[in-house]
């Protein structure tokens, strides 16, 4: 094995049992021999050298390109041992820390999300085949952190609970003009239009999402209440009673935080409420993982609260509530990963083996980061006025219960209609 890589692994892995076979066929065991054994093989000396130099980029690249094969367990098991041993700091060698320093210093260059560049970056990820996303997402195609009210909740139940939780925090009333920034495939906007009779405008930069969201609104008979546009939120000038953004802020880029909050502050009416749902860091500012930046979310950045709050304050907005969802995304990603692996051959038929390996690593590493590193989810409620929301949080649970009853009533009514139509068709 490459001497530098071997020395780094010896200092990095001190608990558990990780067996690595190098490109010459020799086997080396790292850790203290406890727990279940996991093993992988590095298939080339070149891959060993690259991993030793920059593991955060070249380890996932090696797996993606077939230069690493897992022999015992799977890639998630391998990452579990690595992350449990290293925590939030994978790079510990001097040259690795130097590379981290360069990435930290140049992060703004990678996150210059102009109107043109932001559109291009979004399309690289979200304009993948709809068929791919349907292999692992819930039936409503929610591609963000679910909300597990019970540990045994299904993904569909948890994603519905997430929409209900967000809706409750928005304090929506019938006819409220509502802007959904980064509307995805339309699930949240349609929920707000259907159950709260809001007047929803959703915006996305993804052609695929734009088409599917409008098709779904048409099929639900909600085109008058839920309209989705292919546009950047920065081009919108009208004002709204409510603004919601779920899973989009991670694509803004740190250099655009002032622009984001200044513009949303202008879009929000003086008595309005804004709910921002975003992945965040619990341990302070950092930079985007090199593999994620290059292959998964170009231009993206996951912020710390300390990087977000100053810009909220400068925009003149008031923080009325902050909730931290901790392991909810880890559980969401676990289910996504399991569903993706169960449908791996279908994904391979849509794309290829290299793509499947890339997504295996992406889903596994993301789940591991939420379980053993520093990632959480922020839900930040904002307003112009302190009195825009109640003084206690009791209203959230009360509204969730009301919405749950409404969902059940509508579901029961729909079932009765379907039964009558079925009988009439016989």
Protein backbone atom coordinates (compact mmCIF):
# COMPACT_ATOMS: atom_id res chain seq x y z
CA UNK A 1 0.00 0.00 0.00
CA UNK A 2 1.08 3.54 -0.63
CA UNK A 3 3.17 4.46 2.43
CA UNK A 4 1.58 7.88 2.90
CA UNK A 5 -1.93 6.47 2.68
CA UNK A 6 -1.10 3.67 5.10
CA UNK A 7 0.35 6.10 7.65
CA UNK A 8 -2.67 8.42 7.36
CA UNK A 9 -5.14 5.56 7.79
CA UNK A 10 -3.23 4.26 10.81
CA UNK A 11 -3.66 7.63 12.52
CA UNK A 12 -7.24 8.07 11.33
CA UNK A 13 -8.89 4.69 12.06
CA UNK A 14 -8.48 3.65 15.69
CA UNK A 15 -11.77 1.86 16.51
CA UNK A 16 -13.71 -0.78 14.58
CA UNK A 17 -12.31 -3.14 11.94
CA UNK A 18 -11.56 -1.94 8.43
CA UNK A 19 -9.67 -4.27 6.08
CA UNK A 20 -8.13 -2.78 2.94
CA UNK A 21 -6.61 -4.75 0.09
CA UNK A 22 -4.16 -2.65 -1.92
CA UNK A 23 -3.48 -2.73 -5.65
CA UNK A 24 -0.78 -5.39 -5.24
CA UNK A 25 -3.17 -7.73 -3.41
CA UNK A 26 -1.72 -7.19 0.08
CA UNK A 27 -4.17 -6.81 2.97
CA UNK A 28 -3.93 -4.37 5.88
CA UNK A 29 -6.29 -4.12 8.86
CA UNK A 30 -6.99 -0.77 10.54
CA UNK A 31 -8.72 -0.12 13.87
CA UNK A 32 -8.79 -2.07 17.12
CA UNK A 33 -10.50 -5.20 15.78
CA UNK A 34 -13.82 -4.54 17.48
CA UNK A 35 -17.26 -4.67 15.91
CA UNK A 36 -18.28 -5.97 12.52
CA UNK A 37 -15.56 -6.21 9.90
CA UNK A 38 -15.86 -4.24 6.65
CA UNK A 39 -13.48 -4.42 3.74
CA UNK A 40 -12.70 -2.84 0.39
CA UNK A 41 -10.08 -3.18 -2.33
CA UNK A 42 -8.21 -0.41 -4.16
CA UNK A 43 -7.66 -1.59 -7.70
CA UNK A 44 -4.80 0.65 -8.86
CA UNK A 45 -1.65 2.24 -7.48
CA UNK A 46 -2.66 5.54 -9.10
CA UNK A 47 -5.90 5.54 -7.09
CA UNK A 48 -3.93 4.91 -3.88
CA UNK A 49 -1.71 7.92 -4.56
CA UNK A 50 -4.65 10.19 -5.34
CA UNK A 51 -6.59 9.11 -2.24
CA UNK A 52 -3.52 9.71 -0.06
CA UNK A 53 -3.19 13.24 -1.45
CA UNK A 54 -6.84 14.36 -1.34
CA UNK A 55 -9.27 11.76 0.10
CA UNK A 56 -12.36 14.00 0.17
CA UNK A 57 -12.32 14.19 -3.63
CA UNK A 58 -10.41 11.14 -4.83
CA UNK A 59 -11.90 8.47 -2.53
CA UNK A 60 -15.45 9.03 -3.88
CA UNK A 61 -14.05 9.45 -7.40
CA UNK A 62 -12.23 6.12 -7.08
CA UNK A 63 -15.44 4.41 -5.98
CA UNK A 64 -17.42 6.07 -8.75
CA UNK A 65 -14.88 5.05 -11.41
CA UNK A 66 -14.59 1.42 -10.25
CA UNK A 67 -11.12 1.85 -8.73
CA UNK A 68 -12.56 0.76 -5.37
CA UNK A 69 -14.71 -2.31 -4.76
CA UNK A 70 -16.34 -3.02 -1.39
CA UNK A 71 -15.74 -6.67 -0.43
CA UNK A 72 -17.51 -6.87 2.94
CA UNK A 73 -20.48 -4.65 3.73
CA UNK A 74 -21.27 -1.74 1.42
CA UNK A 75 -20.00 1.79 0.87
CA UNK A 76 -22.21 3.11 3.67
CA UNK A 77 -20.59 0.67 6.13
CA UNK A 78 -17.13 1.82 5.06
CA UNK A 79 -18.09 5.47 5.49
CA UNK A 80 -19.62 4.70 8.87
CA UNK A 81 -16.25 3.51 10.21
CA UNK A 82 -14.43 6.48 8.69
CA UNK A 83 -16.90 9.08 9.96
CA UNK A 84 -17.23 7.55 13.43
CA UNK A 85 -13.46 7.77 13.78
CA UNK A 86 -12.88 11.18 12.26
CA UNK A 87 -16.04 13.08 13.17
CA UNK A 88 -16.36 16.34 11.26
CA UNK A 89 -12.63 16.48 10.49
CA UNK A 90 -11.68 13.84 7.93
CA UNK A 91 -8.50 15.58 6.80
CA UNK A 92 -5.83 15.45 9.50
CA UNK A 93 -2.55 15.35 7.59
CA UNK A 94 -0.75 18.68 6.95
CA UNK A 95 -1.15 18.57 3.15
CA UNK A 96 -4.83 17.69 3.50
CA UNK A 97 -5.34 20.62 5.84
CA UNK A 98 -3.55 22.87 3.32
CA UNK A 99 -5.93 21.74 0.57
CA UNK A 100 -8.85 22.44 2.90
CA UNK A 101 -7.46 25.92 3.49
CA UNK A 102 -7.33 26.60 -0.24
CA UNK A 103 -10.90 25.41 -0.69
CA UNK A 104 -12.06 27.58 2.18
CA UNK A 105 -10.26 30.61 0.74
CA UNK A 106 -11.68 30.12 -2.76
CA UNK A 107 -15.21 29.03 -1.86
CA UNK A 108 -16.81 32.28 -3.04
CA UNK A 109 -15.45 31.74 -6.55
CA UNK A 110 -17.28 28.42 -6.79
CA UNK A 111 -20.49 29.98 -5.46
CA UNK A 112 -20.82 32.94 -7.84
CA UNK A 113 -24.41 32.12 -8.73
CA UNK A 114 -25.35 34.76 -11.28
CA UNK A 115 -28.72 34.42 -13.01
CA UNK A 116 -27.16 32.41 -15.85
CA UNK A 117 -24.84 30.31 -13.73
CA UNK A 118 -27.49 29.52 -11.11
CA UNK A 119 -29.80 28.20 -13.82
CA UNK A 120 -27.04 26.02 -15.28
CA UNK A 121 -26.07 24.61 -11.87
CA UNK A 122 -29.66 23.72 -10.96
CA UNK A 123 -30.28 22.01 -14.29
CA UNK A 124 -27.23 19.76 -13.81
CA UNK A 125 -28.91 18.09 -10.85
CA UNK A 126 -32.65 18.65 -11.01
CA UNK A 127 -33.08 18.10 -14.73
CA UNK A 128 -32.09 14.47 -14.43
CA UNK A 129 -34.78 12.03 -15.47
CA UNK A 130 -38.06 12.14 -13.56
CA UNK A 131 -37.95 8.34 -13.69
CA UNK A 132 -34.75 8.37 -11.63
CA UNK A 133 -36.25 10.42 -8.81
CA UNK A 134 -39.39 8.30 -8.75
CA UNK A 135 -37.21 5.28 -7.95
CA UNK A 136 -36.45 6.53 -4.44
CA UNK A 137 -38.57 9.55 -3.49
CA UNK A 138 -42.01 9.39 -1.88
CA UNK A 139 -45.12 9.49 -4.06
CA UNK A 140 -45.30 13.30 -3.73
CA UNK A 141 -41.67 13.65 -4.89
CA UNK A 142 -40.45 15.60 -1.87
CA UNK A 143 -36.69 15.97 -2.34
CA UNK A 144 -35.92 17.48 1.07
CA UNK A 145 -35.79 16.49 4.73
CA UNK A 146 -38.87 14.67 5.99
CA UNK A 147 -40.30 15.17 9.47
CA UNK A 148 -40.56 11.96 11.49
CA UNK A 149 -43.24 12.41 14.13
CA UNK A 150 -42.74 8.71 14.99
CA UNK A 151 -39.60 6.60 14.56
CA UNK A 152 -41.58 4.01 12.60
CA UNK A 153 -43.26 6.49 10.24
CA UNK A 154 -43.11 5.66 6.55
CA UNK A 155 -41.41 8.08 4.18
CA UNK A 156 -44.81 9.10 2.79
CA UNK A 157 -46.11 9.82 6.30
CA UNK A 158 -42.99 11.77 7.26
CA UNK A 159 -43.02 13.90 4.11
CA UNK A 160 -46.70 14.72 4.62
CA UNK A 161 -45.88 15.67 8.22
CA UNK A 162 -43.11 17.96 6.91
CA UNK A 163 -45.54 19.83 4.67
CA UNK A 164 -48.04 20.06 7.53
CA UNK A 165 -45.35 21.35 9.92
CA UNK A 166 -44.25 24.05 7.47
CA UNK A 167 -47.83 25.05 6.68
CA UNK A 168 -48.57 25.47 10.39
CA UNK A 169 -45.60 27.82 10.81
CA UNK A 170 -46.72 29.92 7.85
CA UNK A 171 -50.03 30.82 9.56
CA UNK A 172 -51.77 30.72 6.20
CA UNK A 173 -55.27 32.06 5.59
CA UNK A 174 -57.55 31.53 2.60
CA UNK A 175 -56.43 33.62 -0.37
CA UNK A 176 -53.00 34.51 1.04
CA UNK A 177 -50.60 35.26 -1.82
CA UNK A 178 -47.78 32.78 -1.23
CA UNK A 179 -44.40 32.54 -2.97
CA UNK A 180 -42.64 29.16 -3.00
CA UNK A 181 -38.98 29.80 -3.87
CA UNK A 182 -37.49 26.63 -5.31
CA UNK A 183 -40.82 24.83 -5.62
CA UNK A 184 -39.44 21.45 -6.70
CA UNK A 185 -42.02 19.23 -8.37
CA UNK A 186 -44.84 21.25 -6.84
CA UNK A 187 -45.81 19.08 -3.88
CA UNK A 188 -45.69 21.74 -1.17
CA UNK A 189 -47.35 24.41 -3.29
CA UNK A 190 -50.17 22.06 -4.24
CA UNK A 191 -50.62 21.10 -0.58
CA UNK A 192 -50.92 24.78 0.45
CA UNK A 193 -53.38 25.49 -2.37
CA UNK A 194 -55.50 22.39 -1.72
CA UNK A 195 -55.71 22.33 2.08
CA UNK A 196 -55.32 26.03 2.97
CA UNK A 197 -56.75 27.60 -0.21
CA UNK A 198 -53.67 29.76 -0.61
CA UNK A 199 -52.89 31.55 -3.87
CA UNK A 200 -49.52 29.95 -4.64
CA UNK A 201 -46.82 31.08 -7.05
CA UNK A 202 -43.94 28.61 -7.30
CA UNK A 203 -40.64 29.31 -9.04
CA UNK A 204 -37.91 26.92 -10.13
CA UNK A 205 -34.92 26.94 -12.48
CA UNK A 206 -35.44 23.31 -13.49
CA UNK A 207 -37.24 22.59 -16.76
CA UNK A 208 -38.25 19.13 -15.50
CA UNK A 209 -39.70 20.45 -12.25
CA UNK A 210 -41.51 23.29 -14.00
CA UNK A 211 -43.30 20.93 -16.38
CA UNK A 212 -44.20 18.32 -13.77
CA UNK A 213 -45.41 20.87 -11.18
CA UNK A 214 -47.83 22.50 -13.64
CA UNK A 215 -49.03 19.12 -14.88
CA UNK A 216 -49.79 18.06 -11.31
CA UNK A 217 -51.65 21.31 -10.59
CA UNK A 218 -53.75 20.73 -13.71
CA UNK A 219 -54.53 17.14 -12.71
CA UNK A 220 -55.60 18.33 -9.24
CA UNK A 221 -57.84 21.03 -10.72
CA UNK A 222 -55.74 23.72 -9.00
CA UNK A 223 -54.36 25.74 -11.90
CA UNK A 224 -56.15 28.87 -10.67
CA UNK A 225 -54.61 28.56 -7.20
CA UNK A 226 -51.17 27.01 -7.84
CA UNK A 227 -49.08 28.32 -10.71
CA UNK A 228 -45.45 27.42 -11.29
CA UNK A 229 -42.96 29.47 -13.30
CA UNK A 230 -39.51 28.89 -14.76
CA UNK A 231 -37.76 31.93 -13.33
CA UNK A 232 -35.23 33.14 -10.79
CA UNK A 233 -36.67 34.55 -7.58
CA UNK A 234 -34.50 37.65 -8.12
CA UNK A 235 -36.64 38.67 -11.10
CA UNK A 236 -39.86 38.84 -9.05
CA UNK A 237 -41.10 42.27 -7.93
CA UNK A 238 -44.66 41.74 -6.60
CA UNK A 239 -45.21 41.34 -2.87
CA UNK A 240 -46.59 38.35 -0.97
CA UNK A 241 -48.38 37.60 2.30
CA UNK A 242 -46.29 34.47 2.79
CA UNK A 243 -42.97 33.21 1.46
CA UNK A 244 -41.66 29.67 1.85
CA UNK A 245 -38.43 28.15 0.62
CA UNK A 246 -37.53 24.50 1.18
CA UNK A 247 -34.18 23.06 0.11
CA UNK A 248 -33.28 25.98 -2.16
CA UNK A 249 -31.13 28.19 0.09
CA UNK A 250 -28.31 25.64 -0.16
CA UNK A 251 -27.94 26.75 -3.81
CA UNK A 252 -27.70 30.49 -3.13
CA UNK A 253 -23.98 30.70 -2.34
CA UNK A 254 -22.44 32.64 0.52
CA UNK A 255 -21.63 35.68 -1.59
CA UNK A 256 -25.32 36.05 -2.47
CA UNK A 257 -26.73 35.89 1.08
CA UNK A 258 -27.13 39.71 1.31
CA UNK A 259 -28.94 39.76 -2.05
CA UNK A 260 -31.19 36.87 -1.03
CA UNK A 261 -32.45 38.38 2.21
CA UNK A 262 -32.67 41.95 0.93
CA UNK A 263 -34.78 40.79 -2.00
CA UNK A 264 -37.04 38.47 0.01
CA UNK A 265 -37.52 41.28 2.54
CA UNK A 266 -38.81 43.48 -0.32
CA UNK A 267 -41.10 40.68 -1.55
CA UNK A 268 -42.61 40.07 1.90
CA UNK A 269 -45.51 42.28 2.91
CA UNK A 270 -45.10 44.21 6.17
CA UNK A 271 -47.45 41.86 8.02
CA UNK A 272 -46.13 38.76 6.23
CA UNK A 273 -44.37 35.58 7.36
CA UNK A 274 -41.42 33.84 5.70
CA UNK A 275 -40.38 30.24 6.49
CA UNK A 276 -36.88 29.22 5.39
CA UNK A 277 -36.04 25.48 5.49
CA UNK A 278 -32.38 24.71 4.74
CA UNK A 279 -29.60 22.27 5.48
CA UNK A 280 -27.10 23.86 7.85
CA UNK A 281 -23.90 23.27 9.79
CA UNK A 282 -23.81 22.95 13.56
CA UNK A 283 -20.09 23.67 13.97
CA UNK A 284 -19.48 26.95 12.17
CA UNK A 285 -18.48 28.13 8.67
CA UNK A 286 -16.77 25.74 6.28
CA UNK A 287 -16.67 24.98 2.54
CA UNK A 288 -18.46 22.62 0.17
CA UNK A 289 -17.15 19.06 -0.01
CA UNK A 290 -15.04 18.71 -3.18
CA UNK A 291 -16.95 15.68 -4.51
CA UNK A 292 -20.34 17.29 -3.91
CA UNK A 293 -19.16 20.54 -5.51
CA UNK A 294 -17.79 18.82 -8.62
CA UNK A 295 -20.41 16.14 -9.29
CA UNK A 296 -23.62 16.68 -7.33
CA UNK A 297 -24.42 20.31 -6.41
CA UNK A 298 -22.12 22.74 -8.27
CA UNK A 299 -22.34 26.21 -6.82
CA UNK A 300 -23.92 24.96 -3.60
CA UNK A 301 -23.01 25.77 -0.01
CA UNK A 302 -24.37 24.61 3.36
CA UNK A 303 -24.18 27.52 5.84
CA UNK A 304 -23.79 27.87 9.57
CA UNK A 305 -26.36 29.97 11.42
CA UNK A 306 -23.60 32.45 12.22
CA UNK A 307 -23.27 33.11 8.48
CA UNK A 308 -27.00 33.53 7.92
CA UNK A 309 -28.27 35.61 10.84
CA UNK A 310 -26.18 38.76 10.19
CA UNK A 311 -27.69 39.08 6.70
CA UNK A 312 -31.20 38.56 8.05
CA UNK A 313 -30.60 41.36 10.53
CA UNK A 314 -29.14 43.72 7.90
CA UNK A 315 -32.16 43.10 5.65
CA UNK A 316 -34.42 44.37 8.43
CA UNK A 317 -36.16 41.06 9.07
CA UNK A 318 -37.01 39.74 12.54
CA UNK A 319 -36.27 36.13 13.48
CA UNK A 320 -39.46 34.92 15.14
CA UNK A 321 -38.60 31.22 15.51
CA UNK A 322 -35.74 28.80 14.82
CA UNK A 323 -36.10 25.03 14.96
CA UNK A 324 -33.22 22.61 14.42
CA UNK A 325 -34.13 19.25 12.88
CA UNK A 326 -31.24 16.95 13.72
CA UNK A 327 -31.50 13.30 12.66
CA UNK A 328 -34.63 13.70 10.55
CA UNK A 329 -32.57 14.06 7.37
CA UNK A 330 -30.38 11.07 8.26
CA UNK A 331 -33.52 8.92 8.44
CA UNK A 332 -34.84 10.43 5.20
CA UNK A 333 -31.59 9.66 3.41
CA UNK A 334 -31.52 6.13 4.80
CA UNK A 335 -34.86 5.40 3.16
CA UNK A 336 -33.81 7.09 -0.08
CA UNK A 337 -30.60 5.04 -0.14
CA UNK A 338 -32.43 1.78 0.54
CA UNK A 339 -34.99 2.51 -2.18
CA UNK A 340 -32.30 3.52 -4.65
CA UNK A 341 -30.36 0.32 -4.00
CA UNK A 342 -33.54 -1.77 -4.37
CA UNK A 343 -34.05 -0.13 -7.78
CA UNK A 344 -30.40 0.07 -8.77
CA UNK A 345 -30.79 -1.94 -11.97
CA UNK A 346 -33.57 0.38 -13.11
CA UNK A 347 -31.34 3.40 -12.42
CA UNK A 348 -28.54 1.72 -14.36
CA UNK A 349 -30.89 1.23 -17.31
CA UNK A 350 -31.66 4.97 -17.27
CA UNK A 351 -28.01 6.04 -16.94
CA UNK A 352 -25.03 3.68 -16.39
CA UNK A 353 -22.90 1.90 -13.78
CA UNK A 354 -20.70 4.93 -13.11
CA UNK A 355 -23.75 7.09 -12.44
CA UNK A 356 -25.15 4.50 -10.03
CA UNK A 357 -21.87 4.34 -8.13
CA UNK A 358 -21.80 8.15 -7.93
CA UNK A 359 -25.31 8.27 -6.49
CA UNK A 360 -24.65 5.39 -4.11
CA UNK A 361 -21.76 7.36 -2.68
CA UNK A 362 -23.70 10.65 -2.62
CA UNK A 363 -26.64 9.16 -0.70
CA UNK A 364 -24.46 7.13 1.67
CA UNK A 365 -22.06 9.99 2.43
CA UNK A 366 -24.92 12.44 2.94
CA UNK A 367 -26.64 10.15 5.42
CA UNK A 368 -23.35 9.54 7.24
CA UNK A 369 -22.70 13.30 7.46
CA UNK A 370 -26.06 13.87 9.17
CA UNK A 371 -25.45 10.97 11.58
CA UNK A 372 -21.81 11.45 12.54
CA UNK A 373 -20.66 14.83 11.34
CA UNK A 374 -22.03 18.36 11.54
CA UNK A 375 -25.11 18.60 9.34
CA UNK A 376 -28.60 19.53 10.55
CA UNK A 377 -31.65 21.30 9.10
CA UNK A 378 -32.67 24.84 10.03
CA UNK A 379 -36.26 26.06 9.93
CA UNK A 380 -36.07 29.83 10.37
CA UNK A 381 -39.31 31.79 10.64
CA UNK A 382 -38.99 35.46 9.66
CA UNK A 383 -41.17 38.54 9.61
CA UNK A 384 -40.97 42.33 9.46
CA UNK A 385 -42.90 42.74 12.71
CA UNK A 386 -42.61 40.88 15.99
CA UNK A 387 -46.39 40.66 16.33
CA UNK A 388 -46.77 38.89 12.95
CA UNK A 389 -46.79 35.53 14.74
CA UNK A 390 -48.17 34.42 18.15
CA UNK A 391 -45.99 34.85 21.22
CA UNK A 392 -45.94 31.13 22.03
CA UNK A 393 -45.43 28.07 19.80
CA UNK A 394 -48.74 26.44 20.80
CA UNK A 395 -50.32 27.47 17.50
CA UNK A 396 -48.06 25.09 15.55
CA UNK A 397 -49.35 21.91 17.18
CA UNK A 398 -52.93 23.20 17.11
CA UNK A 399 -52.75 23.90 13.37
CA UNK A 400 -51.04 20.58 12.64
CA UNK A 401 -53.91 18.74 14.32
CA UNK A 402 -56.46 20.74 12.31
CA UNK A 403 -54.64 20.03 9.05
CA UNK A 404 -54.36 16.34 9.87
CA UNK A 405 -58.14 16.14 10.38
CA UNK A 406 -58.67 18.00 7.10
CA UNK A 407 -56.34 15.61 5.25
CA UNK A 408 -58.24 12.61 6.61
CA UNK A 409 -61.61 14.10 5.67
CA UNK A 410 -60.50 14.83 2.12
CA UNK A 411 -58.86 11.45 1.77
CA UNK A 412 -62.08 9.76 2.93
CA UNK A 413 -64.17 11.88 0.57
CA UNK A 414 -61.90 11.05 -2.37
CA UNK A 415 -62.11 7.34 -1.55
CA UNK A 416 -65.90 7.50 -1.54
CA UNK A 417 -65.92 9.26 -4.93
CA UNK A 418 -63.54 6.66 -6.39
CA UNK A 419 -65.74 3.85 -5.04
CA UNK A 420 -68.88 5.35 -6.58
CA UNK A 421 -67.12 5.86 -9.93
CA UNK A 422 -65.91 2.25 -9.82
CA UNK A 423 -69.40 0.91 -9.10
CA UNK A 424 -70.91 3.12 -11.83
CA UNK A 425 -68.40 1.83 -14.34
CA UNK A 426 -69.30 -1.83 -13.84
